[in-house]
């Protein structure tokens, strides 16, 4: 049984990961620490586990691992401490808001030989697995444009917690929170790194952080990625478009259907062809537990998580400075 200490209930998904731990036969949450003691004590009481006033004390206890749902601004601090204490780490995205911070975390993880996995759930969804296979078959020819959109009405309908709008803790709004998912998917489907990023932010509800965002990724080959996210949109379907020299893949818009047109196969030429969506593979949390048990490393997950931070830092700088930011400008 892997004994887990929960680091904070700040994030809206904190209880989702708690539930995953509770339902996993080889995992158990046995302790809670929270930078907000009142919230942490309540969460600990609900689970019948101890609340630690001090993170250092919890990390010195007999836990094996931690789940991190602290404010983004605290990720570097709490993960460096967890790694130094030899505790395996599962964390909400983003790992950190800057390349320098994420590199510090990765150095600590590697030096202390702990297992890190990042919650990038849509990497494991069936539509992603199917699209990756189609791209590997070359059915689109050369990919020229990827667009992924994910949006909800959390700011206009008032269901997001108020602390999600504080720039100091969050390090950003719709893009660094919800936009993480279309960002790592766009990068995945492009199949190559971005050279630069140009982002535009909107402030529809007048919050301190953006609630409407678009980031454009440019690549060395000329392919373009478009990442869209928002907290202010009703009935806005999750959407994937991938265009290439020989075809197009669509997912969503609006139904959860996977469609293809391609000149590479006769049956895909004349009309949109619907493809089956396979089952999801094991979740990021389940993979993390397996990495701990089997002494393996979440290489792909970590690589995309580190690149995600680079793209988010570049996006935030771009929106602030009103210019495209080259990825090689970022301070490692």
C-alpha atoms as a PDB file:
ATOM      1  CA  UNK A   1       0.000   0.000   0.000  1.00  0.00           C
ATOM      2  CA  UNK A   2       1.409   3.373  -1.063  1.00  0.00           C
ATOM      3  CA  UNK A   3       0.790   5.887   1.711  1.00  0.00           C
ATOM      4  CA  UNK A   4       0.048   9.340   0.331  1.00  0.00           C
ATOM      5  CA  UNK A   5       0.128  12.786   1.890  1.00  0.00           C
ATOM      6  CA  UNK A   6      -2.162  15.331   0.268  1.00  0.00           C
ATOM      7  CA  UNK A   7      -0.561  18.735  -0.320  1.00  0.00           C
ATOM      8  CA  UNK A   8      -3.405  21.277  -0.360  1.00  0.00           C
ATOM      9  CA  UNK A   9      -7.010  21.404  -1.510  1.00  0.00           C
ATOM     10  CA  UNK A  10      -6.536  24.709  -3.341  1.00  0.00           C
ATOM     11  CA  UNK A  11      -7.188  23.358  -6.820  1.00  0.00           C
ATOM     12  CA  UNK A  12     -10.678  22.552  -8.114  1.00  0.00           C
ATOM     13  CA  UNK A  13      -9.530  19.027  -9.017  1.00  0.00           C
ATOM     14  CA  UNK A  14      -8.089  18.246  -5.581  1.00  0.00           C
ATOM     15  CA  UNK A  15     -11.032  16.082  -4.573  1.00  0.00           C
ATOM     16  CA  UNK A  16     -10.959  14.298  -7.956  1.00  0.00           C
ATOM     17  CA  UNK A  17      -7.427  13.075  -7.221  1.00  0.00           C
ATOM     18  CA  UNK A  18      -8.441  12.228  -3.677  1.00  0.00           C
ATOM     19  CA  UNK A  19     -11.180  10.025  -5.105  1.00  0.00           C
ATOM     20  CA  UNK A  20      -8.736   8.348  -7.492  1.00  0.00           C
ATOM     21  CA  UNK A  21      -6.466   7.543  -4.570  1.00  0.00           C
ATOM     22  CA  UNK A  22      -9.357   6.257  -2.490  1.00  0.00           C
ATOM     23  CA  UNK A  23     -10.501   3.984  -5.316  1.00  0.00           C
ATOM     24  CA  UNK A  24      -7.057   2.600  -6.155  1.00  0.00           C
ATOM     25  CA  UNK A  25      -6.426  -0.745  -4.417  1.00  0.00           C
ATOM     26  CA  UNK A  26      -2.745   0.052  -3.850  1.00  0.00           C
ATOM     27  CA  UNK A  27      -3.030   3.664  -2.670  1.00  0.00           C
ATOM     28  CA  UNK A  28      -4.245   5.359   0.486  1.00  0.00           C
ATOM     29  CA  UNK A  29      -4.322   8.995   1.592  1.00  0.00           C
ATOM     30  CA  UNK A  30      -3.092   9.019   5.184  1.00  0.00           C
ATOM     31  CA  UNK A  31      -2.264  12.685   5.843  1.00  0.00           C
ATOM     32  CA  UNK A  32      -3.178  16.216   4.751  1.00  0.00           C
ATOM     33  CA  UNK A  33      -1.338  19.530   4.758  1.00  0.00           C
ATOM     34  CA  UNK A  34      -2.812  22.734   3.381  1.00  0.00           C
ATOM     35  CA  UNK A  35      -1.526  26.307   3.279  1.00  0.00           C
ATOM     36  CA  UNK A  36      -5.073  27.171   4.376  1.00  0.00           C
ATOM     37  CA  UNK A  37      -5.342  25.337   7.739  1.00  0.00           C
ATOM     38  CA  UNK A  38      -9.107  25.682   7.962  1.00  0.00           C
ATOM     39  CA  UNK A  39      -9.624  24.083   4.568  1.00  0.00           C
ATOM     40  CA  UNK A  40      -7.016  21.421   5.263  1.00  0.00           C
ATOM     41  CA  UNK A  41      -8.449  20.446   8.641  1.00  0.00           C
ATOM     42  CA  UNK A  42     -11.898  20.094   7.115  1.00  0.00           C
ATOM     43  CA  UNK A  43     -10.567  17.860   4.316  1.00  0.00           C
ATOM     44  CA  UNK A  44      -8.617  15.739   6.791  1.00  0.00           C
ATOM     45  CA  UNK A  45     -11.666  15.323   9.023  1.00  0.00           C
ATOM     46  CA  UNK A  46     -13.780  14.233   6.062  1.00  0.00           C
ATOM     47  CA  UNK A  47     -11.277  11.465   5.375  1.00  0.00           C
ATOM     48  CA  UNK A  48     -10.511  10.554   8.974  1.00  0.00           C
ATOM     49  CA  UNK A  49      -6.790  11.231   8.607  1.00  0.00           C
ATOM     50  CA  UNK A  50      -4.378  13.532  10.466  1.00  0.00           C
ATOM     51  CA  UNK A  51      -3.911  17.169   9.470  1.00  0.00           C
ATOM     52  CA  UNK A  52      -0.358  18.453   9.705  1.00  0.00           C
ATOM     53  CA  UNK A  53       0.180  22.112  10.579  1.00  0.00           C
ATOM     54  CA  UNK A  54       3.675  21.873   9.086  1.00  0.00           C
ATOM     55  CA  UNK A  55       4.487  20.534   5.605  1.00  0.00           C
ATOM     56  CA  UNK A  56       7.970  19.626   6.804  1.00  0.00           C
ATOM     57  CA  UNK A  57       6.490  17.468   9.564  1.00  0.00           C
ATOM     58  CA  UNK A  58       4.196  15.652   7.132  1.00  0.00           C
ATOM     59  CA  UNK A  59       7.120  14.999   4.807  1.00  0.00           C
ATOM     60  CA  UNK A  60       9.109  13.583   7.734  1.00  0.00           C
ATOM     61  CA  UNK A  61       6.316  11.128   8.529  1.00  0.00           C
ATOM     62  CA  UNK A  62       5.987   7.604   7.126  1.00  0.00           C
ATOM     63  CA  UNK A  63       4.230   8.631   3.893  1.00  0.00           C
ATOM     64  CA  UNK A  64       5.625   7.337   0.608  1.00  0.00           C
ATOM     65  CA  UNK A  65       4.307   9.945  -1.776  1.00  0.00           C
ATOM     66  CA  UNK A  66       2.378  13.194  -2.183  1.00  0.00           C
ATOM     67  CA  UNK A  67      -0.355  14.588  -4.406  1.00  0.00           C
ATOM     68  CA  UNK A  68       0.208  18.296  -5.090  1.00  0.00           C
ATOM     69  CA  UNK A  69      -2.795  20.596  -5.525  1.00  0.00           C
ATOM     70  CA  UNK A  70      -1.259  23.711  -4.006  1.00  0.00           C
ATOM     71  CA  UNK A  71      -1.348  27.111  -5.736  1.00  0.00           C
ATOM     72  CA  UNK A  72       0.792  27.180  -8.858  1.00  0.00           C
ATOM     73  CA  UNK A  73       3.005  29.783  -7.200  1.00  0.00           C
ATOM     74  CA  UNK A  74       3.907  27.219  -4.502  1.00  0.00           C
ATOM     75  CA  UNK A  75       4.700  24.261  -6.771  1.00  0.00           C
ATOM     76  CA  UNK A  76       8.456  24.776  -6.810  1.00  0.00           C
ATOM     77  CA  UNK A  77       8.656  25.155  -3.035  1.00  0.00           C
ATOM     78  CA  UNK A  78       6.528  22.143  -2.100  1.00  0.00           C
ATOM     79  CA  UNK A  79       7.926  19.807  -4.756  1.00  0.00           C
ATOM     80  CA  UNK A  80      11.541  20.603  -3.913  1.00  0.00           C
ATOM     81  CA  UNK A  81      10.750  19.734  -0.298  1.00  0.00           C
ATOM     82  CA  UNK A  82       8.900  16.559  -1.261  1.00  0.00           C
ATOM     83  CA  UNK A  83      11.691  15.377  -3.537  1.00  0.00           C
ATOM     84  CA  UNK A  84      14.353  16.124  -0.894  1.00  0.00           C
ATOM     85  CA  UNK A  85      12.327  14.022   1.551  1.00  0.00           C
ATOM     86  CA  UNK A  86      12.295  11.134  -0.934  1.00  0.00           C
ATOM     87  CA  UNK A  87       8.546  11.280  -1.577  1.00  0.00           C
ATOM     88  CA  UNK A  88       7.126  10.401  -4.996  1.00  0.00           C
ATOM     89  CA  UNK A  89       5.093  13.206  -6.590  1.00  0.00           C
ATOM     90  CA  UNK A  90       1.830  13.368  -8.520  1.00  0.00           C
ATOM     91  CA  UNK A  91       0.970  16.936  -9.418  1.00  0.00           C
ATOM     92  CA  UNK A  92      -1.716  19.011 -11.018  1.00  0.00           C
ATOM     93  CA  UNK A  93      -0.613  20.808 -14.178  1.00  0.00           C
ATOM     94  CA  UNK A  94       1.278  23.006 -14.751  1.00  0.00           C
ATOM     95  CA  UNK A  95       4.356  21.649 -12.997  1.00  0.00           C
ATOM     96  CA  UNK A  96       5.495  25.272 -12.695  1.00  0.00           C
ATOM     97  CA  UNK A  97       4.912  28.561 -14.453  1.00  0.00           C
ATOM     98  CA  UNK A  98       8.475  29.102 -15.732  1.00  0.00           C
ATOM     99  CA  UNK A  99      11.180  27.014 -17.346  1.00  0.00           C
ATOM    100  CA  UNK A 100      13.622  27.919 -14.592  1.00  0.00           C
ATOM    101  CA  UNK A 101      11.235  26.649 -11.921  1.00  0.00           C
ATOM    102  CA  UNK A 102      10.413  23.418 -13.738  1.00  0.00           C
ATOM    103  CA  UNK A 103      14.099  22.709 -14.305  1.00  0.00           C
ATOM    104  CA  UNK A 104      14.736  23.145 -10.568  1.00  0.00           C
ATOM    105  CA  UNK A 105      11.959  20.656  -9.837  1.00  0.00           C
ATOM    106  CA  UNK A 106      13.204  18.139 -12.401  1.00  0.00           C
ATOM    107  CA  UNK A 107      16.753  18.354 -11.038  1.00  0.00           C
ATOM    108  CA  UNK A 108      15.439  17.601  -7.534  1.00  0.00           C
ATOM    109  CA  UNK A 109      13.289  14.724  -8.794  1.00  0.00           C
ATOM    110  CA  UNK A 110      16.222  13.166 -10.642  1.00  0.00           C
ATOM    111  CA  UNK A 111      18.750  13.695  -7.862  1.00  0.00           C
ATOM    112  CA  UNK A 112      16.484  12.105  -5.264  1.00  0.00           C
ATOM    113  CA  UNK A 113      15.235   9.343  -7.595  1.00  0.00           C
ATOM    114  CA  UNK A 114      11.544   9.924  -6.896  1.00  0.00           C
ATOM    115  CA  UNK A 115       8.773   9.144  -9.369  1.00  0.00           C
ATOM    116  CA  UNK A 116       7.018  12.163 -10.870  1.00  0.00           C
ATOM    117  CA  UNK A 117       3.854  12.068 -12.962  1.00  0.00           C
ATOM    118  CA  UNK A 118       1.877  15.118 -14.057  1.00  0.00           C
ATOM    119  CA  UNK A 119      -1.880  15.235 -14.567  1.00  0.00           C
ATOM    120  CA  UNK A 120      -2.132  15.588 -18.347  1.00  0.00           C
ATOM    121  CA  UNK A 121      -5.298  13.497 -18.611  1.00  0.00           C
ATOM    122  CA  UNK A 122      -6.182  14.060 -22.255  1.00  0.00           C
ATOM    123  CA  UNK A 123      -2.984  12.344 -23.357  1.00  0.00           C
ATOM    124  CA  UNK A 124      -4.688   9.148 -22.216  1.00  0.00           C
ATOM    125  CA  UNK A 125      -8.134   9.677 -23.752  1.00  0.00           C
ATOM    126  CA  UNK A 126      -9.304   7.366 -26.500  1.00  0.00           C
ATOM    127  CA  UNK A 127      -9.656  10.082 -29.147  1.00  0.00           C
ATOM    128  CA  UNK A 128      -6.047  11.139 -28.557  1.00  0.00           C
ATOM    129  CA  UNK A 129      -4.833   7.568 -28.922  1.00  0.00           C
ATOM    130  CA  UNK A 130      -6.810   7.157 -32.154  1.00  0.00           C
ATOM    131  CA  UNK A 131      -5.579  10.460 -33.612  1.00  0.00           C
ATOM    132  CA  UNK A 132      -1.965   9.614 -32.808  1.00  0.00           C
ATOM    133  CA  UNK A 133      -2.343   6.332 -34.681  1.00  0.00           C
ATOM    134  CA  UNK A 134      -3.874   8.063 -37.715  1.00  0.00           C
ATOM    135  CA  UNK A 135      -1.031  10.582 -37.784  1.00  0.00           C
ATOM    136  CA  UNK A 136       1.555   7.819 -37.468  1.00  0.00           C
ATOM    137  CA  UNK A 137      -0.032   6.120 -40.493  1.00  0.00           C
ATOM    138  CA  UNK A 138       0.583   9.320 -42.457  1.00  0.00           C
ATOM    139  CA  UNK A 139      -3.056   9.680 -43.495  1.00  0.00           C
ATOM    140  CA  UNK A 140      -2.891  13.495 -43.413  1.00  0.00           C
ATOM    141  CA  UNK A 141       0.408  13.756 -45.233  1.00  0.00           C
ATOM    142  CA  UNK A 142       2.347  16.671 -43.750  1.00  0.00           C
ATOM    143  CA  UNK A 143       0.517  18.335 -40.859  1.00  0.00           C
ATOM    144  CA  UNK A 144       0.018  22.028 -41.631  1.00  0.00           C
ATOM    145  CA  UNK A 145      -2.338  23.292 -38.913  1.00  0.00           C
ATOM    146  CA  UNK A 146      -3.635  22.090 -35.548  1.00  0.00           C
ATOM    147  CA  UNK A 147      -6.405  23.833 -33.615  1.00  0.00           C
ATOM    148  CA  UNK A 148      -7.641  22.673 -30.197  1.00  0.00           C
ATOM    149  CA  UNK A 149     -10.269  24.540 -28.185  1.00  0.00           C
ATOM    150  CA  UNK A 150     -11.436  23.965 -24.608  1.00  0.00           C
ATOM    151  CA  UNK A 151     -13.714  26.430 -22.860  1.00  0.00           C
ATOM    152  CA  UNK A 152     -16.372  26.722 -20.164  1.00  0.00           C
ATOM    153  CA  UNK A 153     -18.461  29.368 -18.395  1.00  0.00           C
ATOM    154  CA  UNK A 154     -16.773  29.242 -14.985  1.00  0.00           C
ATOM    155  CA  UNK A 155     -16.291  33.015 -14.747  1.00  0.00           C
ATOM    156  CA  UNK A 156     -19.631  34.113 -16.168  1.00  0.00           C
ATOM    157  CA  UNK A 157     -21.650  31.486 -14.281  1.00  0.00           C
ATOM    158  CA  UNK A 158     -19.676  32.019 -11.069  1.00  0.00           C
ATOM    159  CA  UNK A 159     -18.765  28.426 -10.230  1.00  0.00           C
ATOM    160  CA  UNK A 160     -14.977  28.777 -10.289  1.00  0.00           C
ATOM    161  CA  UNK A 161     -13.551  29.609  -6.829  1.00  0.00           C
ATOM    162  CA  UNK A 162     -12.610  33.251  -6.351  1.00  0.00           C
ATOM    163  CA  UNK A 163      -8.968  32.417  -5.699  1.00  0.00           C
ATOM    164  CA  UNK A 164      -8.662  31.182  -9.302  1.00  0.00           C
ATOM    165  CA  UNK A 165      -8.692  34.839 -10.351  1.00  0.00           C
ATOM    166  CA  UNK A 166      -5.730  35.945  -8.225  1.00  0.00           C
ATOM    167  CA  UNK A 167      -2.641  36.372 -10.413  1.00  0.00           C
ATOM    168  CA  UNK A 168      -0.123  35.942  -7.588  1.00  0.00           C
ATOM    169  CA  UNK A 169      -1.265  32.403  -6.765  1.00  0.00           C
ATOM    170  CA  UNK A 170      -2.404  31.185 -10.164  1.00  0.00           C
ATOM    171  CA  UNK A 171       0.308  32.807 -12.313  1.00  0.00           C
ATOM    172  CA  UNK A 172      -2.370  33.204 -14.988  1.00  0.00           C
ATOM    173  CA  UNK A 173      -5.974  32.528 -15.885  1.00  0.00           C
ATOM    174  CA  UNK A 174      -7.826  30.624 -18.585  1.00  0.00           C
ATOM    175  CA  UNK A 175      -4.740  29.666 -20.582  1.00  0.00           C
ATOM    176  CA  UNK A 176      -2.496  28.343 -17.793  1.00  0.00           C
ATOM    177  CA  UNK A 177      -5.426  26.519 -16.193  1.00  0.00           C
ATOM    178  CA  UNK A 178      -7.871  25.199 -18.774  1.00  0.00           C
ATOM    179  CA  UNK A 179      -5.661  25.986 -21.747  1.00  0.00           C
ATOM    180  CA  UNK A 180      -3.027  23.508 -20.604  1.00  0.00           C
ATOM    181  CA  UNK A 181      -5.048  20.709 -22.195  1.00  0.00           C
ATOM    182  CA  UNK A 182      -5.348  22.176 -25.701  1.00  0.00           C
ATOM    183  CA  UNK A 183      -1.735  23.352 -25.420  1.00  0.00           C
ATOM    184  CA  UNK A 184      -0.185  19.926 -24.839  1.00  0.00           C
ATOM    185  CA  UNK A 185      -2.548  18.318 -27.357  1.00  0.00           C
ATOM    186  CA  UNK A 186      -1.680  20.911 -30.002  1.00  0.00           C
ATOM    187  CA  UNK A 187       2.019  20.302 -29.417  1.00  0.00           C
ATOM    188  CA  UNK A 188       1.481  16.536 -29.587  1.00  0.00           C
ATOM    189  CA  UNK A 189      -0.472  16.635 -32.852  1.00  0.00           C
ATOM    190  CA  UNK A 190       1.934  19.094 -34.499  1.00  0.00           C
ATOM    191  CA  UNK A 191       4.644  16.492 -34.022  1.00  0.00           C
ATOM    192  CA  UNK A 192       7.377  19.104 -33.630  1.00  0.00           C
ATOM    193  CA  UNK A 193       8.481  21.790 -31.198  1.00  0.00           C
ATOM    194  CA  UNK A 194       7.367  25.375 -31.541  1.00  0.00           C
ATOM    195  CA  UNK A 195       9.884  28.050 -32.512  1.00  0.00           C
ATOM    196  CA  UNK A 196       7.866  30.901 -31.068  1.00  0.00           C
ATOM    197  CA  UNK A 197       4.523  31.687 -29.433  1.00  0.00           C
ATOM    198  CA  UNK A 198       2.205  34.668 -29.867  1.00  0.00           C
ATOM    199  CA  UNK A 199      -0.670  34.991 -27.371  1.00  0.00           C
ATOM    200  CA  UNK A 200      -3.594  37.358 -26.948  1.00  0.00           C
ATOM    201  CA  UNK A 201      -5.582  37.586 -23.702  1.00  0.00           C
ATOM    202  CA  UNK A 202      -9.048  38.985 -23.076  1.00  0.00           C
ATOM    203  CA  UNK A 203     -10.577  40.177 -19.804  1.00  0.00           C
ATOM    204  CA  UNK A 204     -14.324  39.890 -20.394  1.00  0.00           C
ATOM    205  CA  UNK A 205     -15.306  39.831 -16.704  1.00  0.00           C
ATOM    206  CA  UNK A 206     -12.642  42.287 -15.550  1.00  0.00           C
ATOM    207  CA  UNK A 207     -10.733  39.781 -13.417  1.00  0.00           C
ATOM    208  CA  UNK A 208      -7.055  40.104 -12.571  1.00  0.00           C
ATOM    209  CA  UNK A 209      -6.287  37.132 -14.838  1.00  0.00           C
ATOM    210  CA  UNK A 210      -7.394  36.536 -18.414  1.00  0.00           C
ATOM    211  CA  UNK A 211     -10.678  34.742 -18.978  1.00  0.00           C
ATOM    212  CA  UNK A 212     -10.391  34.501 -22.765  1.00  0.00           C
ATOM    213  CA  UNK A 213      -7.207  33.450 -24.548  1.00  0.00           C
ATOM    214  CA  UNK A 214      -5.631  32.364 -27.814  1.00  0.00           C
ATOM    215  CA  UNK A 215      -2.028  31.283 -28.339  1.00  0.00           C
ATOM    216  CA  UNK A 216      -0.480  30.624 -31.738  1.00  0.00           C
ATOM    217  CA  UNK A 217       2.496  28.286 -32.052  1.00  0.00           C
ATOM    218  CA  UNK A 218       4.830  28.639 -35.042  1.00  0.00           C
ATOM    219  CA  UNK A 219       7.159  25.835 -36.114  1.00  0.00           C
ATOM    220  CA  UNK A 220      10.311  25.652 -38.205  1.00  0.00           C
ATOM    221  CA  UNK A 221       8.493  23.775 -40.998  1.00  0.00           C
ATOM    222  CA  UNK A 222       5.703  26.361 -41.258  1.00  0.00           C
ATOM    223  CA  UNK A 223       3.021  24.353 -39.471  1.00  0.00           C
ATOM    224  CA  UNK A 224       0.851  26.399 -37.107  1.00  0.00           C
ATOM    225  CA  UNK A 225      -0.831  25.462 -33.842  1.00  0.00           C
ATOM    226  CA  UNK A 226      -3.813  27.372 -32.446  1.00  0.00           C
ATOM    227  CA  UNK A 227      -4.676  26.986 -28.768  1.00  0.00           C
ATOM    228  CA  UNK A 228      -7.958  28.437 -27.481  1.00  0.00           C
ATOM    229  CA  UNK A 229      -9.306  28.578 -23.925  1.00  0.00           C
ATOM    230  CA  UNK A 230     -11.843  30.560 -21.972  1.00  0.00           C
ATOM    231  CA  UNK A 231     -13.839  30.891 -18.760  1.00  0.00           C
ATOM    232  CA  UNK A 232     -16.624  32.924 -20.401  1.00  0.00           C
ATOM    233  CA  UNK A 233     -18.237  30.708 -23.011  1.00  0.00           C
ATOM    234  CA  UNK A 234     -21.501  28.759 -22.926  1.00  0.00           C
ATOM    235  CA  UNK A 235     -22.098  25.745 -25.166  1.00  0.00           C
ATOM    236  CA  UNK A 236     -18.557  25.830 -26.521  1.00  0.00           C
ATOM    237  CA  UNK A 237     -17.627  22.268 -27.491  1.00  0.00           C
ATOM    238  CA  UNK A 238     -14.226  20.721 -26.987  1.00  0.00           C
ATOM    239  CA  UNK A 239     -12.830  20.832 -30.504  1.00  0.00           C
ATOM    240  CA  UNK A 240      -9.876  19.315 -32.331  1.00  0.00           C
ATOM    241  CA  UNK A 241      -8.981  20.134 -35.938  1.00  0.00           C
ATOM    242  CA  UNK A 242      -5.883  18.725 -37.620  1.00  0.00           C
ATOM    243  CA  UNK A 243      -5.228  19.677 -41.233  1.00  0.00           C
ATOM    244  CA  UNK A 244      -2.567  18.329 -43.557  1.00  0.00           C
ATOM    245  CA  UNK A 245      -1.486  18.213 -47.185  1.00  0.00           C
ATOM    246  CA  UNK A 246      -3.523  15.027 -47.734  1.00  0.00           C
ATOM    247  CA  UNK A 247      -6.411  15.218 -45.316  1.00  0.00           C
ATOM    248  CA  UNK A 248      -8.163  16.498 -42.220  1.00  0.00           C
ATOM    249  CA  UNK A 249      -9.177  15.019 -38.853  1.00  0.00           C
ATOM    250  CA  UNK A 250     -12.005  16.500 -36.802  1.00  0.00           C
ATOM    251  CA  UNK A 251     -13.124  15.647 -33.289  1.00  0.00           C
ATOM    252  CA  UNK A 252     -16.027  17.313 -31.481  1.00  0.00           C
ATOM    253  CA  UNK A 253     -17.677  20.197 -33.365  1.00  0.00           C
ATOM    254  CA  UNK A 254     -19.976  19.551 -31.516  1.00  0.00           C
ATOM    255  CA  UNK A 255     -20.557  15.828 -30.976  1.00  0.00           C
ATOM    256  CA  UNK A 256     -17.885  13.493 -29.664  1.00  0.00           C
ATOM    257  CA  UNK A 257     -17.271  11.979 -33.075  1.00  0.00           C
ATOM    258  CA  UNK A 258     -13.934  11.313 -34.752  1.00  0.00           C
ATOM    259  CA  UNK A 259     -14.099  12.145 -38.473  1.00  0.00           C
ATOM    260  CA  UNK A 260     -11.528  11.925 -41.245  1.00  0.00           C
ATOM    261  CA  UNK A 261     -11.134  12.855 -44.901  1.00  0.00           C
ATOM    262  CA  UNK A 262      -7.970  11.705 -46.638  1.00  0.00           C
ATOM    263  CA  UNK A 263      -6.668  11.151 -50.137  1.00  0.00           C
ATOM    264  CA  UNK A 264      -4.550   8.294 -48.793  1.00  0.00           C
ATOM    265  CA  UNK A 265      -7.414   5.782 -48.530  1.00  0.00           C
ATOM    266  CA  UNK A 266     -10.205   5.260 -51.033  1.00  0.00           C
ATOM    267  CA  UNK A 267     -12.952   5.041 -48.408  1.00  0.00           C
ATOM    268  CA  UNK A 268     -11.875   8.366 -46.867  1.00  0.00           C
ATOM    269  CA  UNK A 269     -11.830  10.395 -50.100  1.00  0.00           C
ATOM    270  CA  UNK A 270     -15.427  11.102 -51.014  1.00  0.00           C
ATOM    271  CA  UNK A 271     -17.079  11.943 -47.698  1.00  0.00           C
ATOM    272  CA  UNK A 272     -16.393  12.356 -43.991  1.00  0.00           C
ATOM    273  CA  UNK A 273     -15.746   8.935 -42.488  1.00  0.00           C
ATOM    274  CA  UNK A 274     -16.521   8.330 -38.809  1.00  0.00           C
ATOM    275  CA  UNK A 275     -13.968   6.242 -36.932  1.00  0.00           C
ATOM    276  CA  UNK A 276     -14.461   4.406 -33.633  1.00  0.00           C
ATOM    277  CA  UNK A 277     -12.967   5.977 -30.526  1.00  0.00           C
ATOM    278  CA  UNK A 278     -11.152   3.388 -28.397  1.00  0.00           C
ATOM    279  CA  UNK A 279     -11.326   3.181 -24.632  1.00  0.00           C
ATOM    280  CA  UNK A 280      -9.088   5.410 -22.562  1.00  0.00           C
ATOM    281  CA  UNK A 281      -5.807   3.946 -21.376  1.00  0.00           C
ATOM    282  CA  UNK A 282      -4.789   3.992 -17.721  1.00  0.00           C
ATOM    283  CA  UNK A 283      -5.092   7.427 -16.107  1.00  0.00           C
ATOM    284  CA  UNK A 284      -2.073   9.532 -15.193  1.00  0.00           C
ATOM    285  CA  UNK A 285      -2.684   8.675 -11.536  1.00  0.00           C
ATOM    286  CA  UNK A 286      -2.806   4.935 -12.258  1.00  0.00           C
ATOM    287  CA  UNK A 287       0.370   5.256 -14.315  1.00  0.00           C
ATOM    288  CA  UNK A 288       2.071   7.060 -11.422  1.00  0.00           C
ATOM    289  CA  UNK A 289       1.271   4.236  -9.021  1.00  0.00           C
ATOM    290  CA  UNK A 290       2.655   1.741 -11.546  1.00  0.00           C
ATOM    291  CA  UNK A 291       5.860   3.753 -11.963  1.00  0.00           C
ATOM    292  CA  UNK A 292       6.369   3.669  -8.194  1.00  0.00           C
ATOM    293  CA  UNK A 293       5.712  -0.066  -8.016  1.00  0.00           C
ATOM    294  CA  UNK A 294       7.741  -1.019 -11.084  1.00  0.00           C
ATOM    295  CA  UNK A 295      10.574   1.513 -10.677  1.00  0.00           C
ATOM    296  CA  UNK A 296       9.967   3.044 -14.102  1.00  0.00           C
ATOM    297  CA  UNK A 297       9.922   6.643 -15.318  1.00  0.00           C
ATOM    298  CA  UNK A 298       7.036   8.569 -16.919  1.00  0.00           C
ATOM    299  CA  UNK A 299       9.308   9.762 -19.719  1.00  0.00           C
ATOM    300  CA  UNK A 300       6.706  10.933 -22.254  1.00  0.00           C
ATOM    301  CA  UNK A 301       4.458  12.467 -19.597  1.00  0.00           C
ATOM    302  CA  UNK A 302       7.344  14.436 -18.100  1.00  0.00           C
ATOM    303  CA  UNK A 303       8.671  15.559 -21.489  1.00  0.00           C
ATOM    304  CA  UNK A 304       5.306  17.015 -22.482  1.00  0.00           C
ATOM    305  CA  UNK A 305       4.862  18.552 -19.023  1.00  0.00           C
ATOM    306  CA  UNK A 306       8.204  20.365 -19.214  1.00  0.00           C
ATOM    307  CA  UNK A 307       7.449  21.596 -22.719  1.00  0.00           C
ATOM    308  CA  UNK A 308       4.003  22.702 -21.535  1.00  0.00           C
ATOM    309  CA  UNK A 309       5.628  24.999 -18.981  1.00  0.00           C
ATOM    310  CA  UNK A 310       7.872  26.485 -21.686  1.00  0.00           C
ATOM    311  CA  UNK A 311       4.873  27.183 -23.903  1.00  0.00           C
ATOM    312  CA  UNK A 312       2.893  28.701 -21.027  1.00  0.00           C
ATOM    313  CA  UNK A 313       5.743  30.950 -19.938  1.00  0.00           C
ATOM    314  CA  UNK A 314       6.182  32.110 -23.524  1.00  0.00           C
ATOM    315  CA  UNK A 315       2.422  32.721 -23.847  1.00  0.00           C
ATOM    316  CA  UNK A 316       2.245  34.800 -20.665  1.00  0.00           C
ATOM    317  CA  UNK A 317       5.235  36.867 -21.738  1.00  0.00           C
ATOM    318  CA  UNK A 318       3.820  37.315 -25.225  1.00  0.00           C
ATOM    319  CA  UNK A 319       0.482  38.630 -23.963  1.00  0.00           C
ATOM    320  CA  UNK A 320       2.258  40.979 -21.555  1.00  0.00           C
ATOM    321  CA  UNK A 321       4.849  42.260 -24.026  1.00  0.00           C
ATOM    322  CA  UNK A 322       2.565  42.263 -27.101  1.00  0.00           C
ATOM    323  CA  UNK A 323       4.988  40.353 -29.273  1.00  0.00           C
ATOM    324  CA  UNK A 324       5.926  36.835 -30.300  1.00  0.00           C
ATOM    325  CA  UNK A 325       8.280  35.134 -27.852  1.00  0.00           C
ATOM    326  CA  UNK A 326      10.919  32.766 -29.163  1.00  0.00           C
ATOM    327  CA  UNK A 327      11.293  29.656 -27.029  1.00  0.00           C
ATOM    328  CA  UNK A 328      15.066  30.095 -26.988  1.00  0.00           C
ATOM    329  CA  UNK A 329      14.567  33.427 -25.153  1.00  0.00           C
ATOM    330  CA  UNK A 330      13.402  31.653 -22.006  1.00  0.00           C
ATOM    331  CA  UNK A 331      15.814  31.463 -19.105  1.00  0.00           C
ATOM    332  CA  UNK A 332      16.631  27.886 -18.149  1.00  0.00           C
END
